[in-house]
PDB file of N, CA and C in Angstrom:
ATOM      1  N   MET A   1      14.906   3.484  12.030  1.00  0.00           N
ATOM      2  CA  MET A   1      13.791   2.612  12.376  1.00  0.00           C
ATOM      3  C   MET A   1      12.803   2.604  11.194  1.00  0.00           C
ATOM      4  N   ALA A   2      12.303   1.427  10.862  1.00  0.00           N
ATOM      5  CA  ALA A   2      11.343   1.295   9.756  1.00  0.00           C
ATOM      6  C   ALA A   2      10.057   2.045  10.063  1.00  0.00           C
ATOM      7  N   VAL A   3       9.415   2.558   9.034  1.00  0.00           N
ATOM      8  CA  VAL A   3       8.170   3.319   9.201  1.00  0.00           C
ATOM      9  C   VAL A   3       7.116   2.479   9.916  1.00  0.00           C
ATOM     10  N   SER A   4       7.008   1.190   9.577  1.00  0.00           N
ATOM     11  CA  SER A   4       6.009   0.338  10.230  1.00  0.00           C
ATOM     12  C   SER A   4       6.266   0.219  11.730  1.00  0.00           C
ATOM     13  N   LYS A   5       7.518   0.140  12.118  1.00  0.00           N
ATOM     14  CA  LYS A   5       7.856   0.059  13.548  1.00  0.00           C
ATOM     15  C   LYS A   5       7.554   1.377  14.250  1.00  0.00           C
ATOM     16  N   GLN A   6       7.750   2.486  13.555  1.00  0.00           N
ATOM     17  CA  GLN A   6       7.426   3.786  14.132  1.00  0.00           C
ATOM     18  C   GLN A   6       5.923   3.886  14.392  1.00  0.00           C
ATOM     19  N   GLY A   7       5.132   3.422  13.430  1.00  0.00           N
ATOM     20  CA  GLY A   7       3.677   3.445  13.592  1.00  0.00           C
ATOM     21  C   GLY A   7       3.220   2.574  14.741  1.00  0.00           C
ATOM     22  N   ARG A   8       3.771   1.362  14.835  1.00  0.00           N
ATOM     23  CA  ARG A   8       3.406   0.443  15.929  1.00  0.00           C
ATOM     24  C   ARG A   8       3.763   1.046  17.281  1.00  0.00           C
ATOM     25  N   ALA A   9       4.904   1.719  17.355  1.00  0.00           N
ATOM     26  CA  ALA A   9       5.337   2.346  18.607  1.00  0.00           C
ATOM     27  C   ALA A   9       4.360   3.439  19.052  1.00  0.00           C
ATOM     28  N   LYS A  10       3.624   4.011  18.075  1.00  0.00           N
ATOM     29  CA  LYS A  10       2.654   5.069  18.383  1.00  0.00           C
ATOM     30  C   LYS A  10       1.231   4.540  18.514  1.00  0.00           C
ATOM     31  N   GLY A  11       1.068   3.198  18.500  1.00  0.00           N
ATOM     32  CA  GLY A  11      -0.239   2.607  18.735  1.00  0.00           C
ATOM     33  C   GLY A  11      -1.011   2.187  17.495  1.00  0.00           C
ATOM     34  N   ALA A  12      -0.370   2.175  16.341  1.00  0.00           N
ATOM     35  CA  ALA A  12      -1.061   1.766  15.111  1.00  0.00           C
ATOM     36  C   ALA A  12      -1.429   0.287  15.164  1.00  0.00           C
ATOM     37  N   ALA A  13      -2.508  -0.063  14.483  1.00  0.00           N
ATOM     38  CA  ALA A  13      -2.939  -1.464  14.396  1.00  0.00           C
ATOM     39  C   ALA A  13      -2.140  -2.180  13.312  1.00  0.00           C
ATOM     40  N   LEU A  14      -1.971  -3.465  13.489  1.00  0.00           N
ATOM     41  CA  LEU A  14      -1.281  -4.297  12.512  1.00  0.00           C
ATOM     42  C   LEU A  14      -2.328  -5.118  11.769  1.00  0.00           C
ATOM     43  N   PHE A  15      -2.326  -5.045  10.454  1.00  0.00           N
ATOM     44  CA  PHE A  15      -3.277  -5.784   9.637  1.00  0.00           C
ATOM     45  C   PHE A  15      -2.576  -6.953   8.957  1.00  0.00           C
ATOM     46  N   ASN A  16      -3.283  -8.070   8.869  1.00  0.00           N
ATOM     47  CA  ASN A  16      -2.784  -9.240   8.166  1.00  0.00           C
ATOM     48  C   ASN A  16      -3.503  -9.357   6.830  1.00  0.00           C
ATOM     49  N   ARG A  17      -2.769  -9.378   5.746  1.00  0.00           N
ATOM     50  CA  ARG A  17      -3.317  -9.546   4.398  1.00  0.00           C
ATOM     51  C   ARG A  17      -4.407  -8.528   4.076  1.00  0.00           C
ATOM     52  N   LEU A  18      -4.068  -7.263   4.224  1.00  0.00           N
ATOM     53  CA  LEU A  18      -5.009  -6.172   3.952  1.00  0.00           C
ATOM     54  C   LEU A  18      -5.385  -6.148   2.476  1.00  0.00           C
ATOM     55  N   GLU A  19      -6.687  -6.040   2.190  1.00  0.00           N
ATOM     56  CA  GLU A  19      -7.174  -6.067   0.811  1.00  0.00           C
ATOM     57  C   GLU A  19      -7.748  -4.746   0.343  1.00  0.00           C
ATOM     58  N   GLY A  20      -8.363  -3.985   1.222  1.00  0.00           N
ATOM     59  CA  GLY A  20      -8.952  -2.720   0.795  1.00  0.00           C
ATOM     60  C   GLY A  20      -9.588  -1.977   1.949  1.00  0.00           C
ATOM     61  N   CYS A  21     -10.181  -0.811   1.624  1.00  0.00           N
ATOM     62  CA  CYS A  21     -10.854  -0.024   2.645  1.00  0.00           C
ATOM     63  C   CYS A  21     -11.950   0.812   1.988  1.00  0.00           C
ATOM     64  N   CYS A  22     -12.872   1.302   2.807  1.00  0.00           N
ATOM     65  CA  CYS A  22     -13.919   2.184   2.301  1.00  0.00           C
ATOM     66  C   CYS A  22     -14.310   3.171   3.395  1.00  0.00           C
ATOM     67  N   ASN A  23     -14.884   4.279   2.980  1.00  0.00           N
ATOM     68  CA  ASN A  23     -15.333   5.337   3.875  1.00  0.00           C
ATOM     69  C   ASN A  23     -16.851   5.319   3.868  1.00  0.00           C
ATOM     70  N   ASP A  24     -17.478   5.375   5.030  1.00  0.00           N
ATOM     71  CA  ASP A  24     -18.942   5.312   5.093  1.00  0.00           C
ATOM     72  C   ASP A  24     -19.618   6.675   4.916  1.00  0.00           C
ATOM     73  N   GLY A  25     -18.840   7.713   4.721  1.00  0.00           N
ATOM     74  CA  GLY A  25     -19.417   9.050   4.528  1.00  0.00           C
ATOM     75  C   GLY A  25     -19.614   9.829   5.808  1.00  0.00           C
ATOM     76  N   ASP A  26     -19.506   9.148   6.960  1.00  0.00           N
ATOM     77  CA  ASP A  26     -19.653   9.808   8.262  1.00  0.00           C
ATOM     78  C   ASP A  26     -18.326   9.903   9.007  1.00  0.00           C
ATOM     79  N   GLY A  27     -17.229   9.729   8.277  1.00  0.00           N
ATOM     80  CA  GLY A  27     -15.911   9.859   8.889  1.00  0.00           C
ATOM     81  C   GLY A  27     -15.321   8.559   9.397  1.00  0.00           C
ATOM     82  N   ARG A  28     -16.027   7.452   9.206  1.00  0.00           N
ATOM     83  CA  ARG A  28     -15.501   6.154   9.623  1.00  0.00           C
ATOM     84  C   ARG A  28     -14.892   5.444   8.415  1.00  0.00           C
ATOM     85  N   ILE A  29     -13.779   4.788   8.636  1.00  0.00           N
ATOM     86  CA  ILE A  29     -13.123   4.029   7.582  1.00  0.00           C
ATOM     87  C   ILE A  29     -13.084   2.569   8.005  1.00  0.00           C
ATOM     88  N   TYR A  30     -13.455   1.695   7.090  1.00  0.00           N
ATOM     89  CA  TYR A  30     -13.477   0.253   7.332  1.00  0.00           C
ATOM     90  C   TYR A  30     -12.424  -0.421   6.463  1.00  0.00           C
ATOM     91  N   PHE A  31     -11.719  -1.369   7.039  1.00  0.00           N
ATOM     92  CA  PHE A  31     -10.690  -2.101   6.319  1.00  0.00           C
ATOM     93  C   PHE A  31     -11.121  -3.545   6.116  1.00  0.00           C
ATOM     94  N   THR A  32     -10.764  -4.096   4.970  1.00  0.00           N
ATOM     95  CA  THR A  32     -11.035  -5.492   4.656  1.00  0.00           C
ATOM     96  C   THR A  32      -9.724  -6.253   4.690  1.00  0.00           C
ATOM     97  N   SER A  33      -9.717  -7.350   5.451  1.00  0.00           N
ATOM     98  CA  SER A  33      -8.513  -8.153   5.594  1.00  0.00           C
ATOM     99  C   SER A  33      -8.873  -9.622   5.422  1.00  0.00           C
ATOM    100  N   THR A  34      -8.058 -10.351   4.661  1.00  0.00           N
ATOM    101  CA  THR A  34      -8.309 -11.774   4.423  1.00  0.00           C
ATOM    102  C   THR A  34      -8.292 -12.560   5.719  1.00  0.00           C
ATOM    103  N   SER A  35      -7.308 -12.309   6.545  1.00  0.00           N
ATOM    104  CA  SER A  35      -7.210 -13.026   7.817  1.00  0.00           C
ATOM    105  C   SER A  35      -6.993 -12.027   8.937  1.00  0.00           C
ATOM    106  N   GLY A  36      -7.829 -12.102   9.945  1.00  0.00           N
ATOM    107  CA  GLY A  36      -7.730 -11.185  11.069  1.00  0.00           C
ATOM    108  C   GLY A  36      -6.566 -11.513  11.983  1.00  0.00           C
ATOM    109  N   GLY A  37      -6.277 -10.616  12.856  1.00  0.00           N
ATOM    110  CA  GLY A  37      -5.193 -10.815  13.806  1.00  0.00           C
ATOM    111  C   GLY A  37      -5.732 -10.953  15.220  1.00  0.00           C
ATOM    112  N   ASP A  38      -4.848 -10.804  16.158  1.00  0.00           N
ATOM    113  CA  ASP A  38      -5.171 -10.920  17.568  1.00  0.00           C
ATOM    114  C   ASP A  38      -5.504  -9.533  18.122  1.00  0.00           C
ATOM    115  N   ALA A  39      -6.762  -9.295  18.453  1.00  0.00           N
ATOM    116  CA  ALA A  39      -7.169  -7.980  18.965  1.00  0.00           C
ATOM    117  C   ALA A  39      -6.403  -7.608  20.223  1.00  0.00           C
ATOM    118  N   LYS A  40      -6.080  -8.587  21.064  1.00  0.00           N
ATOM    119  CA  LYS A  40      -5.332  -8.310  22.286  1.00  0.00           C
ATOM    120  C   LYS A  40      -3.914  -7.834  21.983  1.00  0.00           C
ATOM    121  N   GLY A  41      -3.379  -8.273  20.839  1.00  0.00           N
ATOM    122  CA  GLY A  41      -2.019  -7.896  20.451  1.00  0.00           C
ATOM    123  C   GLY A  41      -1.982  -6.621  19.626  1.00  0.00           C
ATOM    124  N   GLY A  42      -3.131  -5.919  19.501  1.00  0.00           N
ATOM    125  CA  GLY A  42      -3.183  -4.703  18.720  1.00  0.00           C
ATOM    126  C   GLY A  42      -3.347  -4.976  17.235  1.00  0.00           C
ATOM    127  N   GLN A  43      -3.596  -6.234  16.884  1.00  0.00           N
ATOM    128  CA  GLN A  43      -3.792  -6.590  15.487  1.00  0.00           C
ATOM    129  C   GLN A  43      -5.265  -6.650  15.179  1.00  0.00           C
ATOM    130  N   ILE A  44      -5.617  -6.297  14.002  1.00  0.00           N
ATOM    131  CA  ILE A  44      -7.010  -6.298  13.574  1.00  0.00           C
ATOM    132  C   ILE A  44      -7.220  -7.433  12.590  1.00  0.00           C
TER     133      ILE A  44
END
């Protein structure tokens, strides 16, 4: 099974056109994506 499918099976979010990420210093990580996905479908 592909690694991406393994992650999705464990509840990972799916990103469309991911561009980057940053850490706010308080333990939160933010991702930048050109086009968002369907939040109901587990996509960000």
